Amino acid sequence: MSTASPLVHIVLHQPEIPGNTGAVGRTCVALGAKLWLVRPLGFRIDEKTLRRAGLDYWEHLDWEVVDHWEALMERIQAKRLWMLSRFGKKSIFEVAYQRGDVLVFGCETNGLPAGLTTQYSDSLLRIPTTNNVRSLNLSNSVAVCAYELARQMINPTEIDLD
């Protein structure tokens, strides 16, 4: 676990596919983000599973697993939560992000539970798409949102792109 304040917290609520979680982990390493996984998970977190999912960056990842939503809220002590949902009324591009914001994504098959989208209805965001697709892949969604936050906040010289 890192002691530095992350640029952003990425929360995967009950992720189901290890490859998506692996891709999200790689994005988190690239941006200096912290990854939170909320159980139940659709896969085991062991060395063999992590290797199979292509998580060769896992040793550099700042991450935690929590047993349920309430445990996450106790641990993360978030000031600003943004819930990603295709039902969000506000676009991810309409938000002025701040360091330490929390981006919350639901599982691949069902998205976020209705209880969370209702509780955080003022914080629901969507990624604009055409009507031809229901939603983007989870790892693509995380990358789009996290890099929009980074675009707004990071001095381009802070991340070495070479």
Protein backbone atom coordinates (compact mmCIF):
# COMPACT_ATOMS: atom_id res chain seq x y z
CA MET A 1 0.00 0.00 0.00
CA SER A 2 1.26 3.44 -0.92
CA THR A 3 1.34 6.25 1.60
CA ALA A 4 1.09 8.97 -1.05
CA SER A 5 -2.31 10.45 -1.78
CA PRO A 6 -3.55 8.91 -5.03
CA LEU A 7 -4.67 11.08 -7.91
CA VAL A 8 -7.95 9.17 -7.96
CA HIS A 9 -9.56 6.17 -6.28
CA ILE A 10 -11.03 3.61 -8.68
CA VAL A 11 -13.66 1.33 -7.14
CA LEU A 12 -14.85 -1.84 -8.85
CA HIS A 13 -18.04 -2.95 -7.12
CA GLN A 14 -18.26 -6.74 -7.35
CA PRO A 15 -16.19 -7.19 -10.53
CA GLU A 16 -16.69 -10.50 -12.32
CA ILE A 17 -13.98 -10.81 -14.99
CA PRO A 18 -10.32 -11.06 -13.96
CA GLY A 19 -9.06 -9.74 -17.31
CA ASN A 20 -11.06 -6.53 -16.89
CA THR A 21 -9.75 -6.10 -13.36
CA GLY A 22 -6.23 -6.68 -14.69
CA ALA A 23 -6.64 -4.01 -17.35
CA VAL A 24 -8.05 -1.60 -14.76
CA GLY A 25 -5.09 -2.35 -12.49
CA ARG A 26 -2.70 -1.46 -15.30
CA THR A 27 -4.52 1.84 -15.86
CA CYS A 28 -4.29 2.56 -12.12
CA VAL A 29 -0.53 1.93 -12.12
CA ALA A 30 -0.13 4.20 -15.16
CA LEU A 31 -1.94 7.07 -13.42
CA GLY A 32 -0.94 6.59 -9.80
CA ALA A 33 -4.51 5.71 -8.88
CA LYS A 34 -5.60 3.42 -6.06
CA LEU A 35 -7.79 0.43 -6.91
CA TRP A 36 -10.48 -0.79 -4.53
CA LEU A 37 -12.30 -4.08 -5.07
CA VAL A 38 -15.62 -4.63 -3.27
CA ARG A 39 -16.57 -8.27 -2.66
CA PRO A 40 -17.95 -10.59 -3.75
CA LEU A 41 -15.52 -10.95 -6.64
CA GLY A 42 -16.17 -13.20 -9.61
CA PHE A 43 -12.65 -14.63 -9.37
CA ARG A 44 -9.98 -15.59 -6.86
CA ILE A 45 -7.14 -13.27 -6.01
CA ASP A 46 -4.16 -15.56 -6.02
CA GLU A 47 -0.86 -15.47 -7.87
CA LYS A 48 -1.94 -17.93 -10.59
CA THR A 49 -5.17 -16.04 -11.33
CA LEU A 50 -3.38 -12.70 -11.37
CA ARG A 51 -0.75 -14.00 -13.80
CA ARG A 52 -3.42 -15.50 -16.07
CA ALA A 53 -5.25 -12.15 -16.12
CA GLY A 54 -2.07 -10.46 -17.34
CA LEU A 55 -1.47 -8.59 -14.13
CA ASP A 56 2.27 -8.29 -14.54
CA TYR A 57 1.98 -4.78 -13.09
CA TRP A 58 0.26 -5.98 -9.90
CA GLU A 59 3.38 -5.53 -7.74
CA HIS A 60 3.28 -1.80 -8.55
CA LEU A 61 -0.43 -1.42 -7.89
CA ASP A 62 -1.81 0.32 -4.80
CA TRP A 63 -4.93 -1.74 -4.06
CA GLU A 64 -7.26 -3.05 -1.37
CA VAL A 65 -10.14 -5.48 -1.19
CA VAL A 66 -13.07 -4.82 1.13
CA ASP A 67 -15.89 -7.16 2.08
CA HIS A 68 -18.81 -4.81 1.37
CA TRP A 69 -19.82 -1.25 0.52
CA GLU A 70 -19.98 -0.08 4.14
CA ALA A 71 -16.41 -1.30 4.75
CA LEU A 72 -15.28 0.68 1.70
CA MET A 73 -16.95 3.84 3.02
CA GLU A 74 -15.20 3.40 6.38
CA ARG A 75 -11.78 2.83 4.76
CA ILE A 76 -11.83 5.33 1.93
CA GLN A 77 -13.31 8.34 3.75
CA ALA A 78 -14.17 9.88 0.40
CA LYS A 79 -15.06 13.49 0.01
CA ARG A 80 -16.49 13.13 -3.51
CA LEU A 81 -17.91 9.99 -5.06
CA TRP A 82 -18.81 9.74 -8.72
CA MET A 83 -20.94 6.73 -9.68
CA LEU A 84 -20.67 5.61 -13.31
CA SER A 85 -23.91 4.40 -14.84
CA ARG A 86 -25.51 4.40 -18.26
CA PHE A 87 -28.49 5.95 -16.42
CA GLY A 88 -26.51 9.02 -15.31
CA LYS A 89 -27.90 12.34 -16.52
CA LYS A 90 -24.58 14.19 -16.36
CA SER A 91 -21.66 13.46 -18.68
CA ILE A 92 -18.20 12.67 -17.30
CA PHE A 93 -17.04 15.73 -19.25
CA GLU A 94 -19.28 18.10 -17.23
CA VAL A 95 -17.45 17.55 -13.93
CA ALA A 96 -14.55 19.57 -12.53
CA TYR A 97 -12.61 16.75 -10.86
CA GLN A 98 -10.42 17.07 -7.78
CA ARG A 99 -7.43 15.06 -6.56
CA GLY A 100 -8.68 12.16 -4.46
CA ASP A 101 -12.07 11.88 -6.14
CA VAL A 102 -13.58 8.40 -6.18
CA LEU A 103 -14.87 6.84 -9.40
CA VAL A 104 -17.18 3.89 -8.75
CA PHE A 105 -17.96 1.28 -11.39
CA GLY A 106 -20.40 -1.63 -11.18
CA CYS A 107 -19.96 -5.23 -12.24
CA GLU A 108 -19.78 -6.17 -15.90
CA THR A 109 -23.20 -7.81 -16.21
CA ASN A 110 -25.45 -5.67 -13.99
CA GLY A 111 -23.67 -2.38 -13.34
CA LEU A 112 -24.19 -0.74 -9.97
CA PRO A 113 -26.95 -1.97 -7.65
CA ALA A 114 -30.14 0.10 -7.60
CA GLY A 115 -29.60 0.91 -3.93
CA LEU A 116 -26.34 2.72 -4.72
CA THR A 117 -27.63 4.54 -7.78
CA THR A 118 -30.61 5.74 -5.76
CA GLN A 119 -28.51 6.77 -2.75
CA TYR A 120 -26.00 8.61 -4.94
CA SER A 121 -28.38 9.85 -7.65
CA ASP A 122 -26.80 13.34 -7.59
CA SER A 123 -23.41 11.78 -8.33
CA LEU A 124 -24.39 9.58 -11.28
CA LEU A 125 -22.28 10.15 -14.37
CA ARG A 126 -22.39 8.60 -17.81
CA ILE A 127 -19.96 8.21 -20.66
CA PRO A 128 -21.63 9.60 -23.76
CA THR A 129 -22.19 6.98 -26.49
CA THR A 130 -24.48 6.53 -29.43
CA ASN A 131 -27.70 4.60 -28.95
CA ASN A 132 -26.14 1.68 -30.82
CA VAL A 133 -24.32 0.40 -27.71
CA ARG A 134 -25.66 -0.26 -24.22
CA SER A 135 -22.35 0.51 -22.53
CA LEU A 136 -18.59 0.28 -22.89
CA ASN A 137 -16.43 -2.52 -21.53
CA LEU A 138 -15.60 -2.00 -17.85
CA SER A 139 -11.87 -1.53 -18.35
CA ASN A 140 -12.46 0.88 -21.24
CA SER A 141 -14.91 2.85 -19.10
CA VAL A 142 -12.39 3.15 -16.28
CA ALA A 143 -9.66 4.28 -18.69
CA VAL A 144 -11.89 6.92 -20.32
CA CYS A 145 -13.02 8.35 -16.97
CA ALA A 146 -9.65 8.19 -15.20
CA TYR A 147 -7.84 9.86 -18.08
CA GLU A 148 -10.45 12.62 -18.27
CA LEU A 149 -9.81 13.28 -14.58
CA ALA A 150 -6.05 13.20 -15.24
CA ARG A 151 -6.38 15.50 -18.25
CA GLN A 152 -8.00 18.10 -16.05
CA MET A 153 -5.56 17.80 -13.18
CA ILE A 154 -2.10 16.67 -14.20
CA ASN A 155 0.67 18.80 -15.49
CA PRO A 156 1.70 16.85 -18.63
CA THR A 157 5.26 16.66 -17.35
CA GLU A 158 4.17 14.74 -14.22
CA ILE A 159 3.70 11.51 -16.15
CA ASP A 160 6.59 10.24 -18.21
CA LEU A 161 5.08 9.06 -21.46
CA ASP A 162 8.39 7.93 -22.99
